[in-house]
Amino acid sequence: MKRGYAKLRGLRAERGYTQRDIAEKLGIGVATYRKKELGENDFTVSEAREIGRIFDREPDSIFFNK
């Protein structure tokens, strides 16, 4: 698992979002989102940007240790 995705899971839980909530905001299925969050598949650049907007953070601060 990629470290950045663990940070994403923490942020999501901290804000009270479910995987379904974020998947819907990204316009993808829950199973697809789950695989991405677990690091089995990668997020696209546009998905990473949207996740940054959702959490009001730079995507780098979510996906990388910065």
C-alpha atoms as a PDB file:
ATOM      1  CA  MET A   1       0.000   0.000   0.000  1.00  0.00           C
ATOM      2  CA  LYS A   2       1.209   3.478  -0.779  1.00  0.00           C
ATOM      3  CA  ARG A   3       1.716   5.743   2.208  1.00  0.00           C
ATOM      4  CA  GLY A   4      -0.203   8.659   0.712  1.00  0.00           C
ATOM      5  CA  TYR A   5      -3.326   6.607   0.437  1.00  0.00           C
ATOM      6  CA  ALA A   6      -3.256   5.838   4.156  1.00  0.00           C
ATOM      7  CA  LYS A   7      -3.226   9.596   4.713  1.00  0.00           C
ATOM      8  CA  LEU A   8      -6.228   9.895   2.422  1.00  0.00           C
ATOM      9  CA  ARG A   9      -8.110   7.267   4.420  1.00  0.00           C
ATOM     10  CA  GLY A  10      -7.329   9.164   7.611  1.00  0.00           C
ATOM     11  CA  LEU A  11      -8.538  12.467   6.190  1.00  0.00           C
ATOM     12  CA  ARG A  12     -11.677  10.844   4.855  1.00  0.00           C
ATOM     13  CA  ALA A  13     -12.494   9.283   8.223  1.00  0.00           C
ATOM     14  CA  GLU A  14     -11.638  12.498  10.084  1.00  0.00           C
ATOM     15  CA  ARG A  15     -14.117  14.440   7.943  1.00  0.00           C
ATOM     16  CA  GLY A  16     -16.808  11.771   8.264  1.00  0.00           C
ATOM     17  CA  TYR A  17     -16.847  10.787   4.593  1.00  0.00           C
ATOM     18  CA  THR A  18     -17.448   7.206   3.502  1.00  0.00           C
ATOM     19  CA  GLN A  19     -15.775   5.612   0.513  1.00  0.00           C
ATOM     20  CA  ARG A  20     -19.145   5.884  -1.226  1.00  0.00           C
ATOM     21  CA  ASP A  21     -19.252   9.651  -0.577  1.00  0.00           C
ATOM     22  CA  ILE A  22     -15.878  10.247  -2.192  1.00  0.00           C
ATOM     23  CA  ALA A  23     -16.566   7.827  -5.049  1.00  0.00           C
ATOM     24  CA  GLU A  24     -19.763   9.723  -5.862  1.00  0.00           C
ATOM     25  CA  LYS A  25     -17.928  13.055  -5.799  1.00  0.00           C
ATOM     26  CA  LEU A  26     -15.368  11.601  -8.214  1.00  0.00           C
ATOM     27  CA  GLY A  27     -18.006  10.011 -10.426  1.00  0.00           C
ATOM     28  CA  ILE A  28     -16.590   6.502 -10.036  1.00  0.00           C
ATOM     29  CA  GLY A  29     -17.900   3.295  -8.511  1.00  0.00           C
ATOM     30  CA  VAL A  30     -17.299   2.417  -4.895  1.00  0.00           C
ATOM     31  CA  ALA A  31     -15.344  -0.745  -5.781  1.00  0.00           C
ATOM     32  CA  THR A  32     -13.104   1.284  -8.087  1.00  0.00           C
ATOM     33  CA  TYR A  33     -12.537   3.910  -5.398  1.00  0.00           C
ATOM     34  CA  ARG A  34     -11.798   1.223  -2.793  1.00  0.00           C
ATOM     35  CA  LYS A  35      -9.114  -0.309  -5.022  1.00  0.00           C
ATOM     36  CA  LYS A  36      -7.555   3.096  -5.558  1.00  0.00           C
ATOM     37  CA  GLU A  37      -7.591   3.957  -1.863  1.00  0.00           C
ATOM     38  CA  LEU A  38      -5.970   0.605  -1.077  1.00  0.00           C
ATOM     39  CA  GLY A  39      -3.237   1.333  -3.625  1.00  0.00           C
ATOM     40  CA  GLU A  40      -4.248  -1.470  -5.987  1.00  0.00           C
ATOM     41  CA  ASN A  41      -4.917   1.108  -8.729  1.00  0.00           C
ATOM     42  CA  ASP A  42      -3.746   4.693  -9.096  1.00  0.00           C
ATOM     43  CA  PHE A  43      -5.855   7.818  -8.981  1.00  0.00           C
ATOM     44  CA  THR A  44      -5.852   9.881 -12.156  1.00  0.00           C
ATOM     45  CA  VAL A  45      -4.460  13.393 -12.039  1.00  0.00           C
ATOM     46  CA  SER A  46      -7.966  14.850 -12.303  1.00  0.00           C
ATOM     47  CA  GLU A  47      -9.185  12.603  -9.459  1.00  0.00           C
ATOM     48  CA  ALA A  48      -6.240  13.684  -7.294  1.00  0.00           C
ATOM     49  CA  ARG A  49      -7.044  17.327  -7.995  1.00  0.00           C
ATOM     50  CA  GLU A  50     -10.700  16.788  -7.097  1.00  0.00           C
ATOM     51  CA  ILE A  51      -9.710  15.046  -3.872  1.00  0.00           C
ATOM     52  CA  GLY A  52      -7.554  18.075  -3.085  1.00  0.00           C
ATOM     53  CA  ARG A  53     -10.583  20.322  -3.618  1.00  0.00           C
ATOM     54  CA  ILE A  54     -12.796  18.079  -1.473  1.00  0.00           C
ATOM     55  CA  PHE A  55     -10.369  18.295   1.438  1.00  0.00           C
ATOM     56  CA  ASP A  56      -9.223  21.875   0.714  1.00  0.00           C
ATOM     57  CA  ARG A  57      -5.587  20.784   0.437  1.00  0.00           C
ATOM     58  CA  GLU A  58      -2.944  20.495  -2.215  1.00  0.00           C
ATOM     59  CA  PRO A  59      -3.024  16.974  -3.684  1.00  0.00           C
ATOM     60  CA  ASP A  60       0.701  16.606  -2.934  1.00  0.00           C
ATOM     61  CA  SER A  61      -0.005  17.050   0.769  1.00  0.00           C
ATOM     62  CA  ILE A  62      -2.497  14.158   0.628  1.00  0.00           C
ATOM     63  CA  PHE A  63      -0.706  11.733  -1.654  1.00  0.00           C
ATOM     64  CA  PHE A  64       2.905  12.440  -0.698  1.00  0.00           C
ATOM     65  CA  ASN A  65       4.674  13.048   2.587  1.00  0.00           C
ATOM     66  CA  LYS A  66       5.098  16.812   2.356  1.00  0.00           C
END
